Amino acid sequence: MAQRDISSMRSTLEFLMEENEVLDVKGQVDPIYEIAGIEKAFEGGPALLFENIKGYPGVRNVGNVFARMDRIAKIFDVKDPKKVKFKVLEAINKPIPPRIVSQAPCQEVVIKDDIDVMATLPILKHTELDAGRILGGGNNFISGKYFRGGTHISFNRTHFRGKDWASIMAGPPTHFGVIAYIDHPEEPIPMTINIGTPPAVNIVAGGGNVHSVIPAGADKVGIAGALQGLPVDIVKAKTVDAYAIAQSEWVIEGHLTVEKVWESEEAEKLGRAGMKPFFPEWPGYLGRAYRFRKFKATAITHRKERPIFYTPLAHSYEGSFLITVFREACLYEVAERCLPGFVVDVNTLHGLKIQAGIVYQVRKSKPWHEGYQKNILAAALASTAGMRLAVIVDEDVDIYNADDVLWAITTRVNPDLDIIRGSIGGRGTIMQPMERMGGAGGGFEGGIGIDATVPFESKGEFRRSHYPVDKVDLRNWFSEEEIAAVQASQDEYAKVLARTGA
């Protein structure tokens, strides 16, 4: 078995290569359209390591690293991919603080003069409608007094419109938005943009937006340390009063200035927010350009030996798992705080693998449990800005199969009593077109909670049929090859029914 070292993206890739999880791309690829096109074409497939990038000799690029849950489970040494969320939850509750080091791989090469980010880094242009080449894989790191004594790490789309300056999106619902517009709106904020960070750092950066569980001032890098099983090393930046993730492949140092800039030239000419296209965003729609604070770069540092750039696509299996792995743990915790032990499991179905939906599985074992499912729905809808759909089902429903969840909704929901709405007129997220249209200033039209559980007193009326799949041994009639061939031809819902006898 391959040795598992996940303290860096580089060592993780070496481990995944030995596990045959990486497709090595030797031919030359262009960061304009081609890399994004290949990653999307291989959606849900192997990690892709691009060895030959047009215009960037000596630089490699990786994507689709987190595009499969079984691979994520392998990275974090969890046997069952469905249990990764619980390892994340343990890390949330028992963080390991980061360790400060004096020397770091990310600072083997230091560029302070004539900074030209676009000429140095193979930043992608994803589609023909993009406002430019947008950096989507950087982890912004802010700590100390600028994050209420904690450590903040997050993904924020970044557009270098100049050689050494960029717009960075800091949406109000996020901790980055709290830092930029609530806590420190009138002062420059020293920070680093870290690219190719350890897997645990990427997981926390992607999903740490459930503020009811992860408050401002939390030690997010400490959570990443607990997830990977050892402290995340951080190092003092070379040019600003901030820290960098020591095992990063690349770091851009600088300040978030007080100046505001438009995210695109088109938006600047128009002078109106949310009207001009930007690049594909996580809900699956083309994002729009806005006006945010300006980032001014003061240095670029990187590893010396063939540094690896990282390019997750916002709307992709990888982009979705980067959000939902951590978010599921947080939403499980939200329910656990409502009634400990009531929730069995949570899952985000593929159609919900954005910051907008969740499916809960609960066990009603006592009469007084009745009603708590609606408390949990209400809490979930209010737990994070823009939550659009929360569904709750009984333990006899497979929450990893959309057809079984739809079956429960179809057969167990009373439209008058079991559908609730939350946050009407509240605040959602500008990434969702419906929420941009919802009301004055982008008011949220309200999420939907669906109680698809059986009333406790009526359980007998809802007993599922059960065919005797557990009483037959198919090998008495069929060869292993015949059984395997039939099972390979079954779709996912057929496999659920064949396994459960429902």
Protein backbone atom coordinates (compact mmCIF):
# COMPACT_ATOMS: atom_id res chain seq x y z
CA MET A 1 0.00 0.00 0.00
CA ALA A 2 1.23 3.48 -0.86
CA GLN A 3 2.53 5.68 1.95
CA ARG A 4 -0.03 8.35 2.80
CA ASP A 5 1.42 11.81 3.43
CA ILE A 6 -1.24 14.52 3.10
CA SER A 7 0.72 17.37 4.70
CA SER A 8 1.02 19.02 1.27
CA MET A 9 -0.68 18.93 -2.11
CA ARG A 10 2.56 17.64 -3.61
CA SER A 11 2.90 14.66 -1.27
CA THR A 12 -0.81 13.94 -1.62
CA LEU A 13 -0.43 13.73 -5.40
CA GLU A 14 2.49 11.32 -4.99
CA PHE A 15 0.28 9.13 -2.78
CA LEU A 16 -2.61 9.31 -5.25
CA MET A 17 -0.31 8.44 -8.16
CA GLU A 18 0.67 5.21 -6.42
CA GLU A 19 -3.04 4.54 -5.90
CA ASN A 20 -3.69 5.03 -9.66
CA GLU A 21 -5.89 8.04 -8.96
CA VAL A 22 -3.98 10.53 -11.16
CA LEU A 23 -3.96 10.90 -14.93
CA ASP A 24 -0.66 12.44 -16.01
CA VAL A 25 -1.18 14.76 -19.00
CA LYS A 26 2.09 15.11 -20.94
CA GLY A 27 0.86 17.02 -23.98
CA GLN A 28 0.90 20.81 -24.01
CA VAL A 29 -2.26 22.50 -22.74
CA ASP A 30 -3.34 26.12 -22.85
CA PRO A 31 -4.62 27.73 -19.63
CA ILE A 32 -7.10 29.56 -21.84
CA TYR A 33 -10.08 27.21 -22.25
CA GLU A 34 -8.19 23.92 -22.65
CA ILE A 35 -7.44 23.04 -19.00
CA ALA A 36 -10.98 23.93 -17.89
CA GLY A 37 -12.44 22.03 -20.84
CA ILE A 38 -10.45 18.89 -20.06
CA GLU A 39 -11.32 19.03 -16.35
CA LYS A 40 -15.03 19.37 -17.12
CA ALA A 41 -14.91 16.60 -19.74
CA PHE A 42 -13.42 14.27 -17.10
CA GLU A 43 -15.94 15.31 -14.43
CA GLY A 44 -15.98 12.87 -11.51
CA GLY A 45 -12.92 11.09 -12.88
CA PRO A 46 -9.22 10.99 -12.01
CA ALA A 47 -7.15 13.84 -10.67
CA LEU A 48 -5.45 15.53 -13.62
CA LEU A 49 -1.81 16.59 -13.53
CA PHE A 50 -0.83 18.81 -16.46
CA GLU A 51 2.94 18.68 -17.02
CA ASN A 52 3.29 21.04 -19.99
CA ILE A 53 1.47 24.38 -19.79
CA LYS A 54 1.69 26.73 -22.74
CA GLY A 55 3.62 29.88 -21.83
CA TYR A 56 4.65 28.64 -18.37
CA PRO A 57 7.73 26.40 -18.62
CA GLY A 58 8.58 24.53 -15.44
CA VAL A 59 5.11 25.01 -13.95
CA ARG A 60 2.60 22.19 -13.49
CA ASN A 61 -1.14 22.33 -12.90
CA VAL A 62 -3.52 20.01 -11.06
CA GLY A 63 -7.30 19.78 -10.99
CA ASN A 64 -10.12 17.33 -10.17
CA VAL A 65 -8.25 16.27 -7.01
CA PHE A 66 -11.46 16.30 -4.93
CA ALA A 67 -13.80 15.19 -7.72
CA ARG A 68 -14.74 11.85 -6.10
CA MET A 69 -15.88 11.11 -2.55
CA ASP A 70 -14.08 7.77 -2.48
CA ARG A 71 -10.84 9.60 -3.29
CA ILE A 72 -11.47 12.17 -0.55
CA ALA A 73 -12.08 9.30 1.87
CA LYS A 74 -8.80 7.72 0.75
CA ILE A 75 -6.94 10.99 1.31
CA PHE A 76 -8.23 11.30 4.85
CA ASP A 77 -7.97 7.58 5.64
CA VAL A 78 -11.70 6.96 6.05
CA LYS A 79 -12.93 3.56 4.87
CA ASP A 80 -16.52 4.59 4.12
CA PRO A 81 -16.87 7.79 2.02
CA LYS A 82 -20.19 8.44 3.78
CA LYS A 83 -18.31 8.83 7.07
CA VAL A 84 -15.89 11.57 6.02
CA LYS A 85 -18.25 14.22 7.40
CA PHE A 86 -17.92 12.72 10.86
CA LYS A 87 -14.13 12.97 10.75
CA VAL A 88 -14.57 16.61 9.77
CA LEU A 89 -16.99 17.10 12.68
CA GLU A 90 -14.45 15.65 15.10
CA ALA A 91 -11.86 18.09 13.74
CA ILE A 92 -14.26 21.01 14.23
CA ASN A 93 -14.70 20.08 17.87
CA LYS A 94 -11.01 19.29 18.56
CA PRO A 95 -8.80 21.61 16.47
CA ILE A 96 -5.00 21.38 16.52
CA PRO A 97 -3.51 24.90 16.42
CA PRO A 98 -1.11 25.70 13.56
CA ARG A 99 2.65 25.52 14.10
CA ILE A 100 4.83 28.52 13.22
CA VAL A 101 8.01 27.63 11.34
CA SER A 102 10.92 29.84 10.30
CA GLN A 103 11.57 28.26 6.92
CA ALA A 104 9.05 26.91 4.45
CA PRO A 105 8.89 25.23 1.03
CA CYS A 106 6.54 27.95 -0.21
CA GLN A 107 9.35 30.53 0.16
CA GLU A 108 12.13 28.75 -1.71
CA VAL A 109 11.81 31.41 -4.42
CA VAL A 110 10.87 35.01 -3.53
CA ILE A 111 9.86 37.63 -6.10
CA LYS A 112 9.58 41.18 -4.75
CA ASP A 113 10.39 43.29 -7.80
CA ASP A 114 8.57 43.65 -11.11
CA ILE A 115 5.63 41.56 -9.90
CA ASP A 116 3.48 40.28 -12.75
CA VAL A 117 1.00 37.73 -11.44
CA MET A 118 -0.55 36.80 -14.78
CA ALA A 119 2.85 36.26 -16.40
CA THR A 120 3.99 34.10 -13.48
CA LEU A 121 0.92 31.96 -12.77
CA PRO A 122 -1.11 29.99 -15.39
CA ILE A 123 -4.44 31.43 -14.28
CA LEU A 124 -7.30 29.93 -16.30
CA LYS A 125 -9.82 31.45 -18.58
CA HIS A 126 -12.72 29.08 -18.10
CA THR A 127 -15.23 30.05 -20.81
CA GLU A 128 -15.59 32.45 -23.69
CA LEU A 129 -17.93 34.63 -21.62
CA ASP A 130 -15.46 35.09 -18.75
CA ALA A 131 -14.47 38.63 -17.84
CA GLY A 132 -10.85 37.51 -18.02
CA ARG A 133 -8.54 34.93 -16.50
CA ILE A 134 -9.95 34.39 -13.02
CA LEU A 135 -8.06 32.87 -10.07
CA GLY A 136 -10.46 30.46 -8.39
CA GLY A 137 -8.12 28.13 -6.48
CA GLY A 138 -6.44 30.49 -4.05
CA ASN A 139 -6.94 30.21 -0.27
CA ASN A 140 -7.03 33.63 1.40
CA PHE A 141 -5.34 33.51 4.82
CA ILE A 142 -5.97 36.22 7.43
CA SER A 143 -5.28 35.82 11.13
CA GLY A 144 -4.78 37.44 14.51
CA LYS A 145 -6.42 40.77 15.22
CA TYR A 146 -7.87 40.87 11.72
CA PHE A 147 -9.99 37.78 12.44
CA ARG A 148 -10.92 38.30 16.08
CA GLY A 149 -7.89 36.34 17.26
CA GLY A 150 -8.53 33.30 15.08
CA THR A 151 -7.34 32.03 11.69
CA HIS A 152 -9.42 32.51 8.56
CA ILE A 153 -8.99 30.56 5.34
CA SER A 154 -11.34 30.70 2.34
CA PHE A 155 -11.74 30.52 -1.43
CA ASN A 156 -12.60 33.90 -2.99
CA ARG A 157 -12.63 34.54 -6.71
CA THR A 158 -9.82 36.92 -7.64
CA HIS A 159 -9.30 38.83 -10.87
CA PHE A 160 -5.87 40.34 -11.51
CA ARG A 161 -6.81 43.22 -13.75
CA GLY A 162 -3.31 44.67 -13.35
CA LYS A 163 0.12 43.11 -13.03
CA ASP A 164 0.10 43.43 -9.25
CA TRP A 165 -3.48 44.26 -8.27
CA ALA A 166 -6.80 42.44 -8.29
CA SER A 167 -10.38 42.52 -7.19
CA ILE A 168 -11.26 39.94 -4.52
CA MET A 169 -14.87 39.01 -3.91
CA ALA A 170 -15.83 39.50 -0.27
CA GLY A 171 -19.53 38.68 -0.05
CA PRO A 172 -21.36 39.94 3.07
CA PRO A 173 -22.48 36.44 4.25
CA THR A 174 -18.89 35.18 4.43
CA HIS A 175 -16.25 35.62 7.10
CA PHE A 176 -14.08 37.32 4.50
CA GLY A 177 -16.90 39.82 4.02
CA VAL A 178 -17.11 40.33 7.80
CA ILE A 179 -13.37 41.05 7.90
CA ALA A 180 -13.48 43.44 4.96
CA TYR A 181 -16.70 45.35 5.54
CA ILE A 182 -17.68 45.01 9.21
CA ASP A 183 -14.56 44.61 11.35
CA HIS A 184 -11.92 46.47 9.29
CA PRO A 185 -13.64 48.54 6.60
CA GLU A 186 -11.29 51.52 6.79
CA GLU A 187 -7.85 49.96 7.11
CA PRO A 188 -5.57 47.90 4.86
CA ILE A 189 -5.56 44.23 5.80
CA PRO A 190 -2.32 42.23 5.40
CA MET A 191 -3.02 38.80 3.92
CA THR A 192 -1.72 36.02 1.74
CA ILE A 193 -3.28 34.08 -1.15
CA ASN A 194 -2.10 30.48 -0.91
CA ILE A 195 -2.30 28.13 -3.89
CA GLY A 196 -1.80 24.36 -3.82
CA THR A 197 -2.32 24.06 -0.08
CA PRO A 198 -2.65 20.76 1.83
CA PRO A 199 -5.96 18.95 1.18
CA ALA A 200 -7.32 19.60 4.68
CA VAL A 201 -6.78 23.34 4.24
CA ASN A 202 -8.73 23.27 0.97
CA ILE A 203 -11.61 21.36 2.58
CA VAL A 204 -11.93 23.88 5.42
CA ALA A 205 -11.52 26.84 3.06
CA GLY A 206 -14.33 25.51 0.89
CA GLY A 207 -16.99 24.90 3.50
CA GLY A 208 -16.45 27.00 6.62
CA ASN A 209 -19.42 29.26 6.00
CA VAL A 210 -22.00 27.91 8.47
CA HIS A 211 -21.53 30.68 11.01
CA SER A 212 -23.79 29.11 13.63
CA VAL A 213 -21.14 26.39 13.98
CA ILE A 214 -17.96 28.16 12.78
CA PRO A 215 -18.10 31.70 14.23
CA ALA A 216 -15.86 34.63 13.33
CA GLY A 217 -12.66 34.18 15.33
CA ALA A 218 -12.59 30.40 14.99
CA ASP A 219 -9.29 28.64 14.36
CA LYS A 220 -10.04 27.33 10.88
CA VAL A 221 -6.43 26.38 10.19
CA GLY A 222 -6.54 24.48 13.49
CA ILE A 223 -9.55 22.54 12.21
CA ALA A 224 -7.54 21.67 9.10
CA GLY A 225 -4.73 20.48 11.35
CA ALA A 226 -7.03 18.14 13.22
CA LEU A 227 -8.46 16.85 9.94
CA GLN A 228 -5.03 15.94 8.57
CA GLY A 229 -3.85 14.64 11.94
CA LEU A 230 -0.97 17.06 12.56
CA PRO A 231 -0.56 20.85 12.83
CA VAL A 232 -0.62 22.90 9.65
CA ASP A 233 2.71 24.71 9.37
CA ILE A 234 2.52 28.46 8.83
CA VAL A 235 5.34 30.90 8.13
CA LYS A 236 5.68 34.67 8.43
CA ALA A 237 5.22 36.39 5.07
CA LYS A 238 8.26 38.11 3.55
CA THR A 239 6.70 41.53 2.87
CA VAL A 240 3.54 41.92 4.99
CA ASP A 241 2.51 41.34 8.60
CA ALA A 242 0.69 38.12 7.83
CA TYR A 243 1.29 34.38 7.62
CA ALA A 244 1.33 31.92 4.75
CA ILE A 245 0.58 28.19 4.63
CA ALA A 246 4.12 26.82 4.68
CA GLN A 247 3.42 23.77 2.50
CA SER A 248 1.71 25.78 -0.26
CA GLU A 249 3.06 25.59 -3.79
CA TRP A 250 2.56 29.33 -4.40
CA VAL A 251 1.85 32.36 -2.20
CA ILE A 252 0.86 35.85 -3.25
CA GLU A 253 1.52 38.33 -0.43
CA GLY A 254 -0.15 41.70 -0.17
CA HIS A 255 -2.76 43.98 1.34
CA LEU A 256 -6.50 44.21 0.94
CA THR A 257 -6.59 47.97 0.43
CA VAL A 258 -9.45 50.32 1.31
CA GLU A 259 -9.91 51.18 -2.36
CA LYS A 260 -12.79 49.55 -4.20
CA VAL A 261 -12.51 48.31 -7.77
CA TRP A 262 -14.81 46.68 -10.29
CA GLU A 263 -14.36 43.01 -11.05
CA SER A 264 -14.31 43.59 -14.79
CA GLU A 265 -13.67 46.30 -17.32
CA GLU A 266 -17.20 45.92 -18.70
CA ALA A 267 -18.74 46.40 -15.27
CA GLU A 268 -16.54 49.43 -14.66
CA LYS A 269 -17.64 51.05 -17.91
CA LEU A 270 -21.29 50.38 -17.13
CA GLY A 271 -20.95 51.42 -13.49
CA ARG A 272 -23.61 48.96 -12.34
CA ALA A 273 -23.20 45.84 -10.20
CA GLY A 274 -24.55 42.41 -11.10
CA MET A 275 -25.15 43.15 -14.77
CA LYS A 276 -22.05 42.03 -16.68
CA PRO A 277 -20.80 38.43 -16.89
CA PHE A 278 -17.85 37.25 -14.81
CA PHE A 279 -17.27 33.46 -14.85
CA PRO A 280 -19.18 30.22 -14.02
CA GLU A 281 -20.14 30.13 -10.35
CA TRP A 282 -21.00 27.28 -7.98
CA PRO A 283 -24.81 27.34 -8.50
CA GLY A 284 -24.25 26.42 -12.17
CA TYR A 285 -25.02 29.83 -13.60
CA LEU A 286 -22.75 32.43 -15.14
CA GLY A 287 -21.69 34.72 -12.30
CA ARG A 288 -21.98 38.50 -12.51
CA ALA A 289 -19.37 41.19 -11.87
CA TYR A 290 -19.49 43.42 -8.77
CA ARG A 291 -17.35 46.00 -6.99
CA PHE A 292 -15.09 44.93 -4.10
CA ARG A 293 -11.96 45.95 -2.26
CA LYS A 294 -8.69 45.98 -4.15
CA PHE A 295 -5.83 43.59 -3.40
CA LYS A 296 -2.30 44.92 -3.96
CA ALA A 297 0.41 42.29 -4.28
CA THR A 298 3.79 42.90 -2.62
CA ALA A 299 5.48 39.57 -3.38
CA ILE A 300 5.11 36.18 -5.03
CA THR A 301 6.82 33.21 -3.40
CA HIS A 302 6.86 29.60 -4.56
CA ARG A 303 8.55 26.23 -4.43
CA LYS A 304 11.66 25.90 -6.55
CA GLU A 305 11.13 22.46 -8.08
CA ARG A 306 8.35 22.55 -10.68
CA PRO A 307 5.68 24.36 -8.58
CA ILE A 308 2.11 23.10 -8.95
CA PHE A 309 -0.77 25.44 -9.71
CA TYR A 310 -4.25 24.34 -8.59
CA THR A 311 -7.43 24.91 -10.60
CA PRO A 312 -10.74 23.66 -9.15
CA LEU A 313 -13.75 24.63 -11.24
CA ALA A 314 -16.39 26.46 -9.21
CA HIS A 315 -19.30 24.51 -10.72
CA SER A 316 -18.02 20.93 -10.79
CA TYR A 317 -17.89 17.78 -8.71
CA GLU A 318 -14.64 19.05 -7.24
CA GLY A 319 -16.01 22.51 -6.46
CA SER A 320 -19.11 20.96 -4.92
CA PHE A 321 -17.27 18.46 -2.72
CA LEU A 322 -14.92 21.21 -1.54
CA ILE A 323 -18.03 22.96 -0.18
CA THR A 324 -20.21 20.10 0.97
CA VAL A 325 -17.78 17.81 2.82
CA PHE A 326 -17.26 20.43 5.53
CA ARG A 327 -20.74 21.88 5.27
CA GLU A 328 -22.44 18.53 5.90
CA ALA A 329 -20.51 18.21 9.17
CA CYS A 330 -21.69 21.67 10.21
CA LEU A 331 -25.33 21.00 9.32
CA TYR A 332 -25.23 17.69 11.19
CA GLU A 333 -24.01 19.68 14.20
CA VAL A 334 -26.87 22.18 13.77
CA ALA A 335 -29.37 19.32 14.04
CA GLU A 336 -27.49 17.67 16.90
CA ARG A 337 -27.81 20.89 18.89
CA CYS A 338 -31.59 20.82 18.36
CA LEU A 339 -31.98 17.25 19.68
CA PRO A 340 -28.89 15.12 20.34
CA GLY A 341 -29.07 11.64 18.84
CA PHE A 342 -32.17 12.31 16.75
CA VAL A 343 -30.36 12.71 13.43
CA VAL A 344 -28.83 9.56 11.97
CA ASP A 345 -27.07 11.05 8.95
CA VAL A 346 -26.99 13.97 6.51
CA ASN A 347 -26.19 14.10 2.81
CA THR A 348 -26.07 16.57 -0.01
CA LEU A 349 -27.42 14.98 -3.19
CA HIS A 350 -25.63 15.89 -6.41
CA GLY A 351 -28.37 18.26 -7.49
CA LEU A 352 -27.96 20.07 -4.16
CA LYS A 353 -24.16 20.06 -4.10
CA ILE A 354 -24.00 23.78 -3.75
CA GLN A 355 -24.38 25.98 -0.69
CA ALA A 356 -28.14 25.61 -0.89
CA GLY A 357 -29.50 22.22 0.19
CA ILE A 358 -29.33 19.29 2.58
CA VAL A 359 -31.13 15.99 3.26
CA TYR A 360 -31.49 14.77 6.84
CA GLN A 361 -32.22 11.23 8.00
CA VAL A 362 -33.79 10.91 11.46
CA ARG A 363 -34.93 8.15 13.79
CA LYS A 364 -38.28 8.74 15.54
CA SER A 365 -38.16 6.22 18.36
CA LYS A 366 -40.37 7.98 20.93
CA PRO A 367 -43.72 9.78 20.68
CA TRP A 368 -42.23 13.05 21.90
CA HIS A 369 -39.76 13.02 19.00
CA GLU A 370 -42.65 14.04 16.76
CA GLY A 371 -42.25 17.67 15.76
CA TYR A 372 -38.52 17.94 16.28
CA GLN A 373 -38.01 17.28 12.59
CA LYS A 374 -39.63 20.65 11.86
CA ASN A 375 -37.40 22.35 14.43
CA ILE A 376 -34.40 20.96 12.58
CA LEU A 377 -35.76 22.11 9.21
CA ALA A 378 -36.24 25.62 10.57
CA ALA A 379 -32.74 25.64 12.07
CA ALA A 380 -31.19 24.38 8.82
CA LEU A 381 -32.96 27.01 6.73
CA ALA A 382 -31.66 29.74 9.04
CA SER A 383 -28.17 28.34 9.55
CA THR A 384 -26.50 29.71 6.44
CA ALA A 385 -27.38 32.50 4.01
CA GLY A 386 -29.15 31.33 0.89
CA MET A 387 -30.24 27.89 2.10
CA ARG A 388 -32.89 26.96 -0.44
CA LEU A 389 -33.96 23.39 0.33
CA ALA A 390 -33.86 21.16 3.40
CA VAL A 391 -35.52 17.74 3.31
CA ILE A 392 -35.94 15.40 6.26
CA VAL A 393 -36.77 11.69 5.95
CA ASP A 394 -37.02 8.56 8.10
CA GLU A 395 -34.23 6.01 8.52
CA ASP A 396 -35.82 3.60 6.02
CA VAL A 397 -35.07 6.07 3.20
CA ASP A 398 -31.69 6.05 1.43
CA ILE A 399 -30.56 9.68 1.62
CA TYR A 400 -27.77 8.97 -0.89
CA ASN A 401 -30.27 8.17 -3.62
CA ALA A 402 -32.37 10.99 -5.08
CA ASP A 403 -35.08 8.59 -6.31
CA ASP A 404 -35.65 7.20 -2.83
CA VAL A 405 -35.81 10.71 -1.37
CA LEU A 406 -38.31 11.73 -4.06
CA TRP A 407 -40.34 8.59 -3.29
CA ALA A 408 -40.55 9.69 0.35
CA ILE A 409 -41.57 13.22 -0.63
CA THR A 410 -44.21 11.87 -3.00
CA THR A 411 -45.75 9.43 -0.52
CA ARG A 412 -45.27 11.06 2.90
CA VAL A 413 -45.72 14.81 2.55
CA ASN A 414 -48.90 16.65 3.48
CA PRO A 415 -48.63 19.94 1.53
CA ASP A 416 -50.66 21.81 4.15
CA LEU A 417 -48.56 20.73 7.14
CA ASP A 418 -45.19 19.45 5.95
CA ILE A 419 -43.85 22.24 3.74
CA ILE A 420 -42.43 25.25 5.52
CA ARG A 421 -40.75 28.41 4.32
CA GLY A 422 -37.93 30.28 5.95
CA SER A 423 -36.17 33.64 5.75
CA ILE A 424 -38.76 35.32 3.54
CA GLY A 425 -37.52 38.82 2.83
CA GLY A 426 -34.21 38.00 4.51
CA ARG A 427 -30.80 37.97 2.91
CA GLY A 428 -29.54 35.25 0.61
CA THR A 429 -26.57 35.19 -1.74
CA ILE A 430 -26.02 37.16 -4.92
CA MET A 431 -24.66 34.07 -6.67
CA GLN A 432 -28.22 32.76 -7.09
CA PRO A 433 -30.16 34.46 -9.93
CA MET A 434 -33.47 33.94 -8.11
CA GLU A 435 -32.13 35.77 -5.10
CA ARG A 436 -30.90 38.68 -7.20
CA MET A 437 -34.47 38.94 -8.49
CA GLY A 438 -36.15 38.32 -5.12
CA GLY A 439 -36.75 41.84 -3.88
CA ALA A 440 -35.33 45.26 -3.25
CA GLY A 441 -31.58 45.00 -2.72
CA GLY A 442 -31.59 41.29 -3.57
CA GLY A 443 -34.02 40.10 -0.92
CA PHE A 444 -34.27 36.36 -0.37
CA GLU A 445 -37.62 34.86 -1.41
CA GLY A 446 -37.28 32.15 1.22
CA GLY A 447 -36.02 28.59 1.42
CA ILE A 448 -38.20 25.48 1.49
CA GLY A 449 -38.25 22.87 4.23
CA ILE A 450 -39.92 19.54 3.44
CA ASP A 451 -40.88 17.13 6.21
CA ALA A 452 -41.07 13.75 4.46
CA THR A 453 -41.17 11.71 7.67
CA VAL A 454 -44.01 9.44 8.75
CA PRO A 455 -46.08 10.69 11.73
CA PHE A 456 -45.00 8.62 14.73
CA GLU A 457 -48.51 7.44 15.56
CA SER A 458 -49.05 6.27 11.97
CA LYS A 459 -45.92 4.20 11.41
CA GLY A 460 -47.95 1.05 10.83
CA GLU A 461 -49.73 2.63 7.89
CA PHE A 462 -46.43 3.37 6.16
CA ARG A 463 -44.66 0.03 6.43
CA ARG A 464 -42.63 -0.44 3.26
CA SER A 465 -43.04 -3.59 1.24
CA HIS A 466 -40.13 -5.99 1.53
CA TYR A 467 -39.31 -8.68 -1.00
CA PRO A 468 -37.16 -11.56 0.29
CA VAL A 469 -33.81 -10.53 -1.21
CA ASP A 470 -32.19 -11.41 2.10
CA LYS A 471 -33.54 -14.98 1.98
CA VAL A 472 -32.14 -15.97 -1.41
CA ASP A 473 -28.58 -16.74 -2.37
CA LEU A 474 -28.28 -15.89 -6.06
CA ARG A 475 -25.23 -18.13 -6.35
CA ASN A 476 -27.52 -21.14 -6.08
CA TRP A 477 -28.82 -20.35 -9.58
CA PHE A 478 -26.29 -18.03 -11.21
CA SER A 479 -22.54 -17.80 -11.65
CA GLU A 480 -20.56 -14.93 -10.13
CA GLU A 481 -20.02 -13.58 -13.65
CA GLU A 482 -23.76 -13.61 -14.41
CA ILE A 483 -24.60 -11.88 -11.14
CA ALA A 484 -21.93 -9.24 -11.73
CA ALA A 485 -23.16 -8.62 -15.28
CA VAL A 486 -26.75 -8.06 -14.14
CA GLN A 487 -25.70 -5.80 -11.28
CA ALA A 488 -23.51 -3.77 -13.62
CA SER A 489 -26.55 -3.15 -15.84
CA GLN A 490 -28.73 -1.88 -12.98
CA ASP A 491 -29.12 1.84 -12.41
CA GLU A 492 -28.49 3.29 -8.97
CA TYR A 493 -32.07 3.15 -7.76
CA ALA A 494 -32.46 -0.44 -8.93
CA LYS A 495 -29.38 -1.29 -6.88
CA VAL A 496 -30.96 0.33 -3.81
CA LEU A 497 -34.17 -1.68 -4.25
CA ALA A 498 -32.24 -4.88 -4.93
CA ARG A 499 -30.21 -4.39 -1.79
CA THR A 500 -33.10 -3.49 0.51
CA GLY A 501 -35.90 -5.51 -1.06
CA ALA A 502 -38.16 -2.45 -1.00
